[in-house]
């Protein structure tokens, strides 16, 4: 018996800017690890930590050309 559902899989390469691989990806991984550690230890992000995260985000956006 033949499977009535036929799937076609196509794989394409997607161009990625060098800056993403050398800077942005590292920042995203670091931010994820820091936020994971904070949430596993504190369970609440207060005003102080919120200010630190917001300041980090503003610095990241400001550094983007």
PDB file of N, CA and C in Angstrom:
ATOM      1  N   UNK A   1       0.825  -1.177   0.000  1.00  0.00           N
ATOM      2  CA  UNK A   1       0.000   0.000   0.000  1.00  0.00           C
ATOM      3  C   UNK A   1       0.870   1.241   0.000  1.00  0.00           C
ATOM      4  N   UNK A   2       0.462   2.176  -0.766  1.00  0.00           N
ATOM      5  CA  UNK A   2       1.234   3.415  -0.896  1.00  0.00           C
ATOM      6  C   UNK A   2       0.671   4.479   0.041  1.00  0.00           C
ATOM      7  N   UNK A   3       1.548   5.274   0.598  1.00  0.00           N
ATOM      8  CA  UNK A   3       1.142   6.354   1.501  1.00  0.00           C
ATOM      9  C   UNK A   3       0.481   7.465   0.687  1.00  0.00           C
ATOM     10  N   UNK A   4      -0.766   7.845   0.982  1.00  0.00           N
ATOM     11  CA  UNK A   4      -1.445   8.871   0.181  1.00  0.00           C
ATOM     12  C   UNK A   4      -0.896  10.279   0.418  1.00  0.00           C
ATOM     13  N   UNK A   5      -0.227  10.500   1.530  1.00  0.00           N
ATOM     14  CA  UNK A   5       0.316  11.832   1.801  1.00  0.00           C
ATOM     15  C   UNK A   5       1.735  11.906   1.249  1.00  0.00           C
ATOM     16  N   UNK A   6       1.940  12.797   0.311  1.00  0.00           N
ATOM     17  CA  UNK A   6       3.261  12.964  -0.279  1.00  0.00           C
ATOM     18  C   UNK A   6       3.829  14.295   0.171  1.00  0.00           C
ATOM     19  N   UNK A   7       5.038  14.256   0.647  1.00  0.00           N
ATOM     20  CA  UNK A   7       5.703  15.461   1.106  1.00  0.00           C
ATOM     21  C   UNK A   7       6.920  15.716   0.243  1.00  0.00           C
ATOM     22  N   UNK A   8       7.159  16.967  -0.006  1.00  0.00           N
ATOM     23  CA  UNK A   8       8.348  17.352  -0.754  1.00  0.00           C
ATOM     24  C   UNK A   8       9.179  18.247   0.160  1.00  0.00           C
ATOM     25  N   UNK A   9      10.407  17.870   0.351  1.00  0.00           N
ATOM     26  CA  UNK A   9      11.295  18.623   1.225  1.00  0.00           C
ATOM     27  C   UNK A   9      12.354  19.280   0.365  1.00  0.00           C
ATOM     28  N   UNK A  10      12.488  20.588   0.533  1.00  0.00           N
ATOM     29  CA  UNK A  10      13.522  21.332  -0.179  1.00  0.00           C
ATOM     30  C   UNK A  10      14.370  22.069   0.838  1.00  0.00           C
ATOM     31  N   UNK A  11      15.656  22.014   0.644  1.00  0.00           N
ATOM     32  CA  UNK A  11      16.584  22.677   1.551  1.00  0.00           C
ATOM     33  C   UNK A  11      17.320  23.753   0.769  1.00  0.00           C
ATOM     34  N   UNK A  12      17.273  24.964   1.320  1.00  0.00           N
ATOM     35  CA  UNK A  12      17.947  26.089   0.695  1.00  0.00           C
ATOM     36  C   UNK A  12      18.948  26.692   1.671  1.00  0.00           C
ATOM     37  N   UNK A  13      19.970  27.279   1.134  1.00  0.00           N
ATOM     38  CA  UNK A  13      20.881  28.034   1.984  1.00  0.00           C
ATOM     39  C   UNK A  13      20.369  29.464   2.070  1.00  0.00           C
ATOM     40  N   UNK A  14      20.473  30.026   3.251  1.00  0.00           N
ATOM     41  CA  UNK A  14      19.994  31.380   3.489  1.00  0.00           C
ATOM     42  C   UNK A  14      21.205  32.246   3.784  1.00  0.00           C
ATOM     43  N   UNK A  15      21.382  33.334   3.042  1.00  0.00           N
ATOM     44  CA  UNK A  15      22.531  34.195   3.320  1.00  0.00           C
ATOM     45  C   UNK A  15      22.368  34.898   4.673  1.00  0.00           C
ATOM     46  N   UNK A  16      23.445  34.887   5.442  1.00  0.00           N
ATOM     47  CA  UNK A  16      23.442  35.507   6.759  1.00  0.00           C
ATOM     48  C   UNK A  16      24.617  36.466   6.822  1.00  0.00           C
ATOM     49  N   UNK A  17      24.362  37.662   7.329  1.00  0.00           N
ATOM     50  CA  UNK A  17      25.419  38.664   7.442  1.00  0.00           C
ATOM     51  C   UNK A  17      26.482  38.187   8.433  1.00  0.00           C
ATOM     52  N   UNK A  18      27.731  38.540   8.153  1.00  0.00           N
ATOM     53  CA  UNK A  18      28.830  38.156   9.030  1.00  0.00           C
ATOM     54  C   UNK A  18      28.657  38.727  10.432  1.00  0.00           C
ATOM     55  N   UNK A  19      28.109  39.922  10.535  1.00  0.00           N
ATOM     56  CA  UNK A  19      27.924  40.566  11.836  1.00  0.00           C
ATOM     57  C   UNK A  19      27.000  39.746  12.716  1.00  0.00           C
ATOM     58  N   UNK A  20      26.007  39.115  12.122  1.00  0.00           N
ATOM     59  CA  UNK A  20      25.096  38.286  12.919  1.00  0.00           C
ATOM     60  C   UNK A  20      25.846  37.132  13.559  1.00  0.00           C
ATOM     61  N   UNK A  21      26.691  36.472  12.787  1.00  0.00           N
ATOM     62  CA  UNK A  21      27.403  35.308  13.307  1.00  0.00           C
ATOM     63  C   UNK A  21      28.485  35.683  14.301  1.00  0.00           C
ATOM     64  N   UNK A  22      29.081  36.853  14.158  1.00  0.00           N
ATOM     65  CA  UNK A  22      30.200  37.223  15.029  1.00  0.00           C
ATOM     66  C   UNK A  22      29.790  38.062  16.227  1.00  0.00           C
ATOM     67  N   UNK A  23      28.645  38.738  16.179  1.00  0.00           N
ATOM     68  CA  UNK A  23      28.269  39.635  17.271  1.00  0.00           C
ATOM     69  C   UNK A  23      26.868  39.344  17.793  1.00  0.00           C
ATOM     70  N   UNK A  24      25.881  39.442  16.946  1.00  0.00           N
ATOM     71  CA  UNK A  24      24.482  39.336  17.372  1.00  0.00           C
ATOM     72  C   UNK A  24      24.169  37.972  17.995  1.00  0.00           C
ATOM     73  N   UNK A  25      24.644  36.901  17.385  1.00  0.00           N
ATOM     74  CA  UNK A  25      24.369  35.566  17.903  1.00  0.00           C
ATOM     75  C   UNK A  25      24.976  35.382  19.291  1.00  0.00           C
ATOM     76  N   UNK A  26      26.183  35.882  19.492  1.00  0.00           N
ATOM     77  CA  UNK A  26      26.824  35.781  20.804  1.00  0.00           C
ATOM     78  C   UNK A  26      26.061  36.571  21.863  1.00  0.00           C
ATOM     79  N   UNK A  27      25.577  37.745  21.491  1.00  0.00           N
ATOM     80  CA  UNK A  27      24.795  38.557  22.423  1.00  0.00           C
ATOM     81  C   UNK A  27      23.495  37.844  22.790  1.00  0.00           C
ATOM     82  N   UNK A  28      22.819  37.250  21.812  1.00  0.00           N
ATOM     83  CA  UNK A  28      21.562  36.546  22.088  1.00  0.00           C
ATOM     84  C   UNK A  28      21.785  35.342  23.001  1.00  0.00           C
ATOM     85  N   UNK A  29      22.853  34.599  22.761  1.00  0.00           N
ATOM     86  CA  UNK A  29      23.144  33.442  23.610  1.00  0.00           C
ATOM     87  C   UNK A  29      23.476  33.892  25.026  1.00  0.00           C
ATOM     88  N   UNK A  30      24.306  34.923  25.165  1.00  0.00           N
ATOM     89  CA  UNK A  30      24.677  35.435  26.485  1.00  0.00           C
ATOM     90  C   UNK A  30      23.448  35.956  27.232  1.00  0.00           C
ATOM     91  N   UNK A  31      22.595  36.702  26.554  1.00  0.00           N
ATOM     92  CA  UNK A  31      21.387  37.234  27.192  1.00  0.00           C
ATOM     93  C   UNK A  31      20.463  36.105  27.635  1.00  0.00           C
ATOM     94  N   UNK A  32      20.339  35.082  26.822  1.00  0.00           N
ATOM     95  CA  UNK A  32      19.492  33.940  27.180  1.00  0.00           C
ATOM     96  C   UNK A  32      20.032  33.223  28.407  1.00  0.00           C
ATOM     97  N   UNK A  33      21.337  33.026  28.464  1.00  0.00           N
ATOM     98  CA  UNK A  33      21.939  32.355  29.620  1.00  0.00           C
ATOM     99  C   UNK A  33      21.784  33.176  30.893  1.00  0.00           C
ATOM    100  N   UNK A  34      21.998  34.491  30.790  1.00  0.00           N
ATOM    101  CA  UNK A  34      21.867  35.355  31.965  1.00  0.00           C
ATOM    102  C   UNK A  34      20.422  35.378  32.459  1.00  0.00           C
ATOM    103  N   UNK A  35      19.477  35.554  31.555  1.00  0.00           N
ATOM    104  CA  UNK A  35      18.072  35.587  31.967  1.00  0.00           C
ATOM    105  C   UNK A  35      17.610  34.246  32.525  1.00  0.00           C
ATOM    106  N   UNK A  36      18.093  33.151  31.957  1.00  0.00           N
ATOM    107  CA  UNK A  36      17.758  31.830  32.486  1.00  0.00           C
ATOM    108  C   UNK A  36      18.286  31.668  33.904  1.00  0.00           C
ATOM    109  N   UNK A  37      19.540  32.083  34.127  1.00  0.00           N
ATOM    110  CA  UNK A  37      20.127  31.989  35.463  1.00  0.00           C
ATOM    111  C   UNK A  37      19.361  32.854  36.459  1.00  0.00           C
ATOM    112  N   UNK A  38      18.978  34.049  36.052  1.00  0.00           N
ATOM    113  CA  UNK A  38      18.228  34.945  36.947  1.00  0.00           C
ATOM    114  C   UNK A  38      16.875  34.336  37.299  1.00  0.00           C
ATOM    115  N   UNK A  39      16.166  33.828  36.309  1.00  0.00           N
ATOM    116  CA  UNK A  39      14.835  33.281  36.579  1.00  0.00           C
ATOM    117  C   UNK A  39      14.888  31.979  37.372  1.00  0.00           C
ATOM    118  N   UNK A  40      15.971  31.201  37.229  1.00  0.00           N
ATOM    119  CA  UNK A  40      16.085  29.970  38.006  1.00  0.00           C
ATOM    120  C   UNK A  40      16.459  30.245  39.459  1.00  0.00           C
ATOM    121  N   UNK A  41      17.113  31.371  39.715  1.00  0.00           N
ATOM    122  CA  UNK A  41      17.536  31.663  41.086  1.00  0.00           C
ATOM    123  C   UNK A  41      16.597  32.624  41.806  1.00  0.00           C
ATOM    124  N   UNK A  42      16.004  33.569  41.109  1.00  0.00           N
ATOM    125  CA  UNK A  42      15.187  34.596  41.760  1.00  0.00           C
ATOM    126  C   UNK A  42      13.692  34.428  41.543  1.00  0.00           C
ATOM    127  N   UNK A  43      13.287  33.912  40.418  1.00  0.00           N
ATOM    128  CA  UNK A  43      11.881  33.721  40.048  1.00  0.00           C
ATOM    129  C   UNK A  43      11.117  35.031  39.841  1.00  0.00           C
ATOM    130  N   UNK A  44      11.756  36.163  40.107  1.00  0.00           N
ATOM    131  CA  UNK A  44      11.123  37.460  39.895  1.00  0.00           C
ATOM    132  C   UNK A  44      12.201  38.419  39.385  1.00  0.00           C
ATOM    133  N   UNK A  45      11.837  39.203  38.393  1.00  0.00           N
ATOM    134  CA  UNK A  45      12.744  40.246  37.923  1.00  0.00           C
ATOM    135  C   UNK A  45      12.209  41.566  38.474  1.00  0.00           C
ATOM    136  N   UNK A  46      12.953  42.146  39.412  1.00  0.00           N
ATOM    137  CA  UNK A  46      12.530  43.394  40.046  1.00  0.00           C
ATOM    138  C   UNK A  46      12.924  44.608  39.222  1.00  0.00           C
ATOM    139  N   UNK A  47      12.751  45.780  39.810  1.00  0.00           N
ATOM    140  CA  UNK A  47      13.067  47.025  39.116  1.00  0.00           C
ATOM    141  C   UNK A  47      14.544  47.139  38.791  1.00  0.00           C
ATOM    142  N   UNK A  48      15.390  46.755  39.734  1.00  0.00           N
ATOM    143  CA  UNK A  48      16.836  46.858  39.510  1.00  0.00           C
ATOM    144  C   UNK A  48      17.297  45.995  38.352  1.00  0.00           C
ATOM    145  N   UNK A  49      16.866  44.737  38.343  1.00  0.00           N
ATOM    146  CA  UNK A  49      17.246  43.832  37.256  1.00  0.00           C
ATOM    147  C   UNK A  49      16.579  44.275  35.961  1.00  0.00           C
ATOM    148  N   UNK A  50      15.358  44.787  36.037  1.00  0.00           N
ATOM    149  CA  UNK A  50      14.698  45.310  34.846  1.00  0.00           C
ATOM    150  C   UNK A  50      15.456  46.476  34.245  1.00  0.00           C
ATOM    151  N   UNK A  51      15.971  47.336  35.111  1.00  0.00           N
ATOM    152  CA  UNK A  51      16.768  48.469  34.639  1.00  0.00           C
ATOM    153  C   UNK A  51      18.053  47.985  33.977  1.00  0.00           C
ATOM    154  N   UNK A  52      18.686  46.970  34.547  1.00  0.00           N
ATOM    155  CA  UNK A  52      19.916  46.415  33.962  1.00  0.00           C
ATOM    156  C   UNK A  52      19.629  45.816  32.584  1.00  0.00           C
ATOM    157  N   UNK A  53      18.540  45.066  32.487  1.00  0.00           N
ATOM    158  CA  UNK A  53      18.176  44.450  31.197  1.00  0.00           C
ATOM    159  C   UNK A  53      17.838  45.528  30.169  1.00  0.00           C
ATOM    160  N   UNK A  54      17.073  46.532  30.568  1.00  0.00           N
ATOM    161  CA  UNK A  54      16.715  47.619  29.660  1.00  0.00           C
ATOM    162  C   UNK A  54      17.953  48.385  29.205  1.00  0.00           C
ATOM    163  N   UNK A  55      18.871  48.658  30.131  1.00  0.00           N
ATOM    164  CA  UNK A  55      20.109  49.353  29.782  1.00  0.00           C
ATOM    165  C   UNK A  55      20.936  48.526  28.803  1.00  0.00           C
ATOM    166  N   UNK A  56      21.003  47.225  29.033  1.00  0.00           N
ATOM    167  CA  UNK A  56      21.723  46.346  28.105  1.00  0.00           C
ATOM    168  C   UNK A  56      21.096  46.352  26.725  1.00  0.00           C
ATOM    169  N   UNK A  57      19.774  46.346  26.678  1.00  0.00           N
ATOM    170  CA  UNK A  57      19.082  46.374  25.388  1.00  0.00           C
ATOM    171  C   UNK A  57      19.341  47.684  24.655  1.00  0.00           C
ATOM    172  N   UNK A  58      19.273  48.790  25.367  1.00  0.00           N
ATOM    173  CA  UNK A  58      19.531  50.100  24.749  1.00  0.00           C
ATOM    174  C   UNK A  58      20.972  50.156  24.232  1.00  0.00           C
ATOM    175  N   UNK A  59      21.916  49.630  24.996  1.00  0.00           N
ATOM    176  CA  UNK A  59      23.309  49.607  24.551  1.00  0.00           C
ATOM    177  C   UNK A  59      23.468  48.748  23.307  1.00  0.00           C
ATOM    178  N   UNK A  60      22.781  47.629  23.261  1.00  0.00           N
ATOM    179  CA  UNK A  60      22.849  46.753  22.080  1.00  0.00           C
ATOM    180  C   UNK A  60      22.274  47.452  20.856  1.00  0.00           C
ATOM    181  N   UNK A  61      21.107  48.055  21.000  1.00  0.00           N
ATOM    182  CA  UNK A  61      20.483  48.748  19.870  1.00  0.00           C
ATOM    183  C   UNK A  61      21.338  49.928  19.429  1.00  0.00           C
ATOM    184  N   UNK A  62      21.917  50.637  20.371  1.00  0.00           N
ATOM    185  CA  UNK A  62      22.776  51.783  20.054  1.00  0.00           C
ATOM    186  C   UNK A  62      24.032  51.346  19.299  1.00  0.00           C
ATOM    187  N   UNK A  63      24.526  50.131  19.584  1.00  0.00           N
ATOM    188  CA  UNK A  63      25.744  49.650  18.930  1.00  0.00           C
ATOM    189  C   UNK A  63      25.478  49.136  17.521  1.00  0.00           C
ATOM    190  N   UNK A  64      24.221  48.921  17.178  1.00  0.00           N
ATOM    191  CA  UNK A  64      23.877  48.411  15.853  1.00  0.00           C
ATOM    192  C   UNK A  64      23.962  49.543  14.839  1.00  0.00           C
ATOM    193  N   UNK A  65      24.710  49.305  13.748  1.00  0.00           N
ATOM    194  CA  UNK A  65      24.851  50.387  12.752  1.00  0.00           C
ATOM    195  C   UNK A  65      23.570  50.669  11.984  1.00  0.00           C
TER     196      UNK A  65
END
